[in-house]
C-alpha atoms as a PDB file:
ATOM      1  CA  MET A   1     -13.069  16.782  44.619  1.00  0.00           C
ATOM      2  CA  ASP A   2     -12.398  20.333  43.482  1.00  0.00           C
ATOM      3  CA  LEU A   3     -12.448  22.649  46.471  1.00  0.00           C
ATOM      4  CA  HIS A   4     -10.596  25.573  44.708  1.00  0.00           C
ATOM      5  CA  ASP A   5     -13.783  27.488  44.353  1.00  0.00           C
ATOM      6  CA  LYS A   6     -14.785  26.872  48.019  1.00  0.00           C
ATOM      7  CA  ILE A   7     -11.995  28.473  49.664  1.00  0.00           C
ATOM      8  CA  GLY A   8     -10.721  31.980  49.806  1.00  0.00           C
ATOM      9  CA  ALA A   9      -7.946  33.312  47.670  1.00  0.00           C
ATOM     10  CA  THR A  10      -4.508  32.844  49.025  1.00  0.00           C
ATOM     11  CA  GLN A  11      -2.057  35.693  49.592  1.00  0.00           C
ATOM     12  CA  SER A  12      -0.208  34.863  46.409  1.00  0.00           C
ATOM     13  CA  ASP A  13      -3.625  35.053  44.548  1.00  0.00           C
ATOM     14  CA  GLU A  14      -4.426  38.470  46.110  1.00  0.00           C
ATOM     15  CA  MET A  15      -1.273  40.377  45.659  1.00  0.00           C
ATOM     16  CA  PRO A  16       0.648  41.144  42.312  1.00  0.00           C
ATOM     17  CA  LEU A  17       4.172  39.650  42.252  1.00  0.00           C
ATOM     18  CA  GLY A  18       5.867  43.035  42.637  1.00  0.00           C
ATOM     19  CA  LEU A  19       3.898  43.878  45.698  1.00  0.00           C
ATOM     20  CA  GLN A  20       4.503  40.429  47.161  1.00  0.00           C
ATOM     21  CA  THR A  21       8.262  40.966  46.580  1.00  0.00           C
ATOM     22  CA  GLY A  22       8.153  44.305  48.120  1.00  0.00           C
ATOM     23  CA  VAL A  23       6.285  42.826  51.257  1.00  0.00           C
ATOM     24  CA  GLN A  24       8.760  40.173  51.543  1.00  0.00           C
ATOM     25  CA  ALA A  25      11.692  42.656  51.430  1.00  0.00           C
ATOM     26  CA  GLY A  26      10.087  44.592  54.014  1.00  0.00           C
ATOM     27  CA  GLN A  27       9.734  41.665  56.240  1.00  0.00           C
ATOM     28  CA  VAL A  28      13.391  40.714  55.752  1.00  0.00           C
ATOM     29  CA  ALA A  29      14.351  44.456  56.455  1.00  0.00           C
ATOM     30  CA  THR A  30      12.253  44.496  59.660  1.00  0.00           C
ATOM     31  CA  GLU A  31      13.572  41.158  60.996  1.00  0.00           C
ATOM     32  CA  ALA A  32      17.341  42.158  60.123  1.00  0.00           C
ATOM     33  CA  VAL A  33      17.066  45.457  61.802  1.00  0.00           C
ATOM     34  CA  THR A  34      15.372  43.804  64.896  1.00  0.00           C
ATOM     35  CA  ALA A  35      18.141  41.280  65.149  1.00  0.00           C
ATOM     36  CA  MET A  36      20.806  44.073  64.860  1.00  0.00           C
ATOM     37  CA  VAL A  37      19.200  46.100  67.580  1.00  0.00           C
ATOM     38  CA  THR A  38      18.927  43.136  69.803  1.00  0.00           C
ATOM     39  CA  LEU A  39      22.827  42.621  69.325  1.00  0.00           C
ATOM     40  CA  GLY A  40      23.210  46.140  70.547  1.00  0.00           C
ATOM     41  CA  PHE A  41      23.540  48.249  67.555  1.00  0.00           C
ATOM     42  CA  PRO A  42      21.798  51.520  67.139  1.00  0.00           C
ATOM     43  CA  GLN A  43      18.364  51.335  65.393  1.00  0.00           C
ATOM     44  CA  ALA A  44      19.123  54.169  62.852  1.00  0.00           C
ATOM     45  CA  ALA A  45      22.522  52.868  61.841  1.00  0.00           C
ATOM     46  CA  SER A  46      20.807  49.244  61.455  1.00  0.00           C
ATOM     47  CA  GLN A  47      18.186  50.488  59.418  1.00  0.00           C
ATOM     48  CA  LYS A  48      20.550  52.475  57.039  1.00  0.00           C
ATOM     49  CA  VAL A  49      22.995  49.634  56.393  1.00  0.00           C
ATOM     50  CA  VAL A  50      20.055  47.017  56.037  1.00  0.00           C
ATOM     51  CA  GLN A  51      18.304  49.316  53.426  1.00  0.00           C
ATOM     52  CA  ALA A  52      21.563  49.721  51.492  1.00  0.00           C
ATOM     53  CA  ILE A  53      22.209  45.994  51.390  1.00  0.00           C
ATOM     54  CA  LEU A  54      18.687  45.226  50.150  1.00  0.00           C
ATOM     55  CA  LYS A  55      19.177  47.997  47.433  1.00  0.00           C
ATOM     56  CA  GLU A  56      22.183  46.461  46.176  1.00  0.00           C
ATOM     57  CA  GLN A  57      21.134  42.826  46.395  1.00  0.00           C
ATOM     58  CA  GLU A  58      17.485  41.866  46.116  1.00  0.00           C
ATOM     59  CA  GLY A  59      16.168  38.648  47.326  1.00  0.00           C
ATOM     60  CA  LEU A  60      18.558  37.984  50.304  1.00  0.00           C
ATOM     61  CA  SER A  61      17.467  35.908  53.222  1.00  0.00           C
ATOM     62  CA  VAL A  62      17.400  37.590  56.591  1.00  0.00           C
ATOM     63  CA  GLU A  63      20.561  35.686  57.669  1.00  0.00           C
ATOM     64  CA  ALA A  64      22.408  37.011  54.646  1.00  0.00           C
ATOM     65  CA  VAL A  65      21.365  40.389  55.283  1.00  0.00           C
ATOM     66  CA  ILE A  66      22.506  40.296  58.954  1.00  0.00           C
ATOM     67  CA  ARG A  67      25.821  38.718  57.939  1.00  0.00           C
ATOM     68  CA  GLU A  68      26.344  41.524  55.610  1.00  0.00           C
ATOM     69  CA  ALA A  69      25.151  44.116  58.028  1.00  0.00           C
ATOM     70  CA  LEU A  70      27.516  42.823  60.708  1.00  0.00           C
ATOM     71  CA  LYS A  71      30.461  43.232  58.115  1.00  0.00           C
ATOM     72  CA  ARG A  72      29.556  46.835  57.326  1.00  0.00           C
ATOM     73  CA  ILE A  73      28.628  48.334  60.734  1.00  0.00           C
END
């Protein structure tokens, strides 16, 4: 049974690939900054270092960004 036309579009169907990547990077950045603040680091410094890491190396996981941020901060 073909139900593809019966269900709504999925998120990947709705957003262009570049926008999906930007949204995912934004989610990674938000989670990484939140983790750094939770660990006691200032929010401004955490945001700055996380953004720098994501500019240098796209596609990193949240865990990888946090590890790198801890080395740099």
